[in-house]
């Protein structure tokens, strides 16, 4: 596989105060599924030192098609609901 075909997805997240533990726990559930999903190459979750409510989630995929399959997978959509419930709407 040519490394130029790879896709990196970035999500800037704003976690609601007091929901950090719920957010991380639900993210781990999503990660377990992602690690077994075809085309997923890895990811990283980082928290800002300057603003602990701000997080950065990056994931790497073999292709745009793999990202699309992940985002439209019914299991994925159900798994991310608890994680997204911990986020501000912005």
C-alpha atoms as a PDB file:
ATOM      1  CA  UNK A   1       0.000   0.000   0.000  1.00  0.00           C
ATOM      2  CA  UNK A   2       1.272   3.450  -0.926  1.00  0.00           C
ATOM      3  CA  UNK A   3       1.437   5.796   2.090  1.00  0.00           C
ATOM      4  CA  UNK A   4       0.013   8.609  -0.092  1.00  0.00           C
ATOM      5  CA  UNK A   5      -3.315   6.770  -0.163  1.00  0.00           C
ATOM      6  CA  UNK A   6      -3.677   6.978   3.600  1.00  0.00           C
ATOM      7  CA  UNK A   7      -6.138   9.397   5.157  1.00  0.00           C
ATOM      8  CA  UNK A   8      -5.857  11.102   8.531  1.00  0.00           C
ATOM      9  CA  UNK A   9      -9.081  12.318  10.139  1.00  0.00           C
ATOM     10  CA  UNK A  10      -8.910  15.079  12.765  1.00  0.00           C
ATOM     11  CA  UNK A  11     -11.676  15.944  15.203  1.00  0.00           C
ATOM     12  CA  UNK A  12     -11.411  18.909  17.543  1.00  0.00           C
ATOM     13  CA  UNK A  13     -13.670  18.184  20.505  1.00  0.00           C
ATOM     14  CA  UNK A  14     -15.049  20.273  23.363  1.00  0.00           C
ATOM     15  CA  UNK A  15     -15.957  17.983  26.266  1.00  0.00           C
ATOM     16  CA  UNK A  16     -18.587  19.117  28.766  1.00  0.00           C
ATOM     17  CA  UNK A  17     -17.259  19.849  32.252  1.00  0.00           C
ATOM     18  CA  UNK A  18     -17.714  16.852  34.530  1.00  0.00           C
ATOM     19  CA  UNK A  19     -18.164  14.446  31.597  1.00  0.00           C
ATOM     20  CA  UNK A  20     -14.473  13.711  31.009  1.00  0.00           C
ATOM     21  CA  UNK A  21     -14.553  10.194  32.514  1.00  0.00           C
ATOM     22  CA  UNK A  22     -17.716   9.280  30.599  1.00  0.00           C
ATOM     23  CA  UNK A  23     -16.134  10.636  27.427  1.00  0.00           C
ATOM     24  CA  UNK A  24     -12.932   8.601  27.808  1.00  0.00           C
ATOM     25  CA  UNK A  25     -14.846   5.435  28.742  1.00  0.00           C
ATOM     26  CA  UNK A  26     -17.133   5.728  25.736  1.00  0.00           C
ATOM     27  CA  UNK A  27     -14.165   6.561  23.472  1.00  0.00           C
ATOM     28  CA  UNK A  28     -12.489   3.326  24.587  1.00  0.00           C
ATOM     29  CA  UNK A  29     -15.570   1.374  23.488  1.00  0.00           C
ATOM     30  CA  UNK A  30     -15.416   3.045  20.085  1.00  0.00           C
ATOM     31  CA  UNK A  31     -11.680   2.381  19.869  1.00  0.00           C
ATOM     32  CA  UNK A  32     -12.124  -1.354  20.537  1.00  0.00           C
ATOM     33  CA  UNK A  33     -14.445  -1.570  17.531  1.00  0.00           C
ATOM     34  CA  UNK A  34     -12.244   0.663  15.364  1.00  0.00           C
ATOM     35  CA  UNK A  35      -9.176  -1.488  16.014  1.00  0.00           C
ATOM     36  CA  UNK A  36     -10.989  -4.436  14.393  1.00  0.00           C
ATOM     37  CA  UNK A  37     -12.499  -2.433  11.538  1.00  0.00           C
ATOM     38  CA  UNK A  38     -11.044  -3.025   8.043  1.00  0.00           C
ATOM     39  CA  UNK A  39      -8.886  -0.118   6.913  1.00  0.00           C
ATOM     40  CA  UNK A  40      -8.265   1.356  10.376  1.00  0.00           C
ATOM     41  CA  UNK A  41      -4.541   1.933  10.911  1.00  0.00           C
ATOM     42  CA  UNK A  42      -4.499   3.648  14.300  1.00  0.00           C
ATOM     43  CA  UNK A  43      -5.507   6.679  16.279  1.00  0.00           C
ATOM     44  CA  UNK A  44      -4.629   8.968  19.126  1.00  0.00           C
ATOM     45  CA  UNK A  45      -6.644  10.969  21.660  1.00  0.00           C
ATOM     46  CA  UNK A  46      -4.946  14.065  23.112  1.00  0.00           C
ATOM     47  CA  UNK A  47      -6.084  16.576  25.733  1.00  0.00           C
ATOM     48  CA  UNK A  48      -5.046  20.216  25.669  1.00  0.00           C
ATOM     49  CA  UNK A  49      -2.766  21.368  28.478  1.00  0.00           C
ATOM     50  CA  UNK A  50      -4.007  24.958  28.119  1.00  0.00           C
ATOM     51  CA  UNK A  51      -7.735  24.134  28.011  1.00  0.00           C
ATOM     52  CA  UNK A  52      -8.562  20.711  29.514  1.00  0.00           C
ATOM     53  CA  UNK A  53     -12.037  20.819  27.935  1.00  0.00           C
ATOM     54  CA  UNK A  54     -10.442  20.719  24.459  1.00  0.00           C
ATOM     55  CA  UNK A  55      -9.407  17.399  22.959  1.00  0.00           C
ATOM     56  CA  UNK A  56      -7.974  16.299  19.618  1.00  0.00           C
ATOM     57  CA  UNK A  57      -8.837  12.921  18.138  1.00  0.00           C
ATOM     58  CA  UNK A  58      -6.861  11.741  15.118  1.00  0.00           C
ATOM     59  CA  UNK A  59      -7.339   8.516  13.229  1.00  0.00           C
ATOM     60  CA  UNK A  60      -5.488   7.067  10.270  1.00  0.00           C
ATOM     61  CA  UNK A  61      -7.148   5.008   7.560  1.00  0.00           C
ATOM     62  CA  UNK A  62      -6.074   3.121   4.459  1.00  0.00           C
ATOM     63  CA  UNK A  63      -8.408   5.173   2.231  1.00  0.00           C
ATOM     64  CA  UNK A  64     -11.350   7.566   2.066  1.00  0.00           C
ATOM     65  CA  UNK A  65     -13.513   4.551   1.281  1.00  0.00           C
ATOM     66  CA  UNK A  66     -12.514   2.936   4.599  1.00  0.00           C
ATOM     67  CA  UNK A  67     -13.438   6.144   6.469  1.00  0.00           C
ATOM     68  CA  UNK A  68     -16.814   6.211   4.726  1.00  0.00           C
ATOM     69  CA  UNK A  69     -17.499   2.558   5.584  1.00  0.00           C
ATOM     70  CA  UNK A  70     -16.619   3.285   9.236  1.00  0.00           C
ATOM     71  CA  UNK A  71     -18.791   6.381   9.488  1.00  0.00           C
ATOM     72  CA  UNK A  72     -21.801   4.669   7.937  1.00  0.00           C
ATOM     73  CA  UNK A  73     -21.448   1.384   9.835  1.00  0.00           C
ATOM     74  CA  UNK A  74     -24.535   0.886  12.073  1.00  0.00           C
ATOM     75  CA  UNK A  75     -22.363  -0.382  14.968  1.00  0.00           C
ATOM     76  CA  UNK A  76     -20.211   2.741  14.773  1.00  0.00           C
ATOM     77  CA  UNK A  77     -23.175   5.066  14.814  1.00  0.00           C
ATOM     78  CA  UNK A  78     -24.587   3.382  17.934  1.00  0.00           C
ATOM     79  CA  UNK A  79     -21.185   3.337  19.674  1.00  0.00           C
ATOM     80  CA  UNK A  80     -20.440   7.041  19.177  1.00  0.00           C
ATOM     81  CA  UNK A  81     -23.743   8.271  20.621  1.00  0.00           C
ATOM     82  CA  UNK A  82     -22.582   8.058  24.285  1.00  0.00           C
ATOM     83  CA  UNK A  83     -19.272   9.720  23.375  1.00  0.00           C
ATOM     84  CA  UNK A  84     -20.974  12.519  21.448  1.00  0.00           C
ATOM     85  CA  UNK A  85     -23.391  13.079  24.355  1.00  0.00           C
ATOM     86  CA  UNK A  86     -20.363  14.240  26.386  1.00  0.00           C
ATOM     87  CA  UNK A  87     -19.533  16.983  23.879  1.00  0.00           C
ATOM     88  CA  UNK A  88     -20.648  20.568  23.521  1.00  0.00           C
ATOM     89  CA  UNK A  89     -22.591  21.205  20.339  1.00  0.00           C
ATOM     90  CA  UNK A  90     -19.947  23.575  19.003  1.00  0.00           C
END
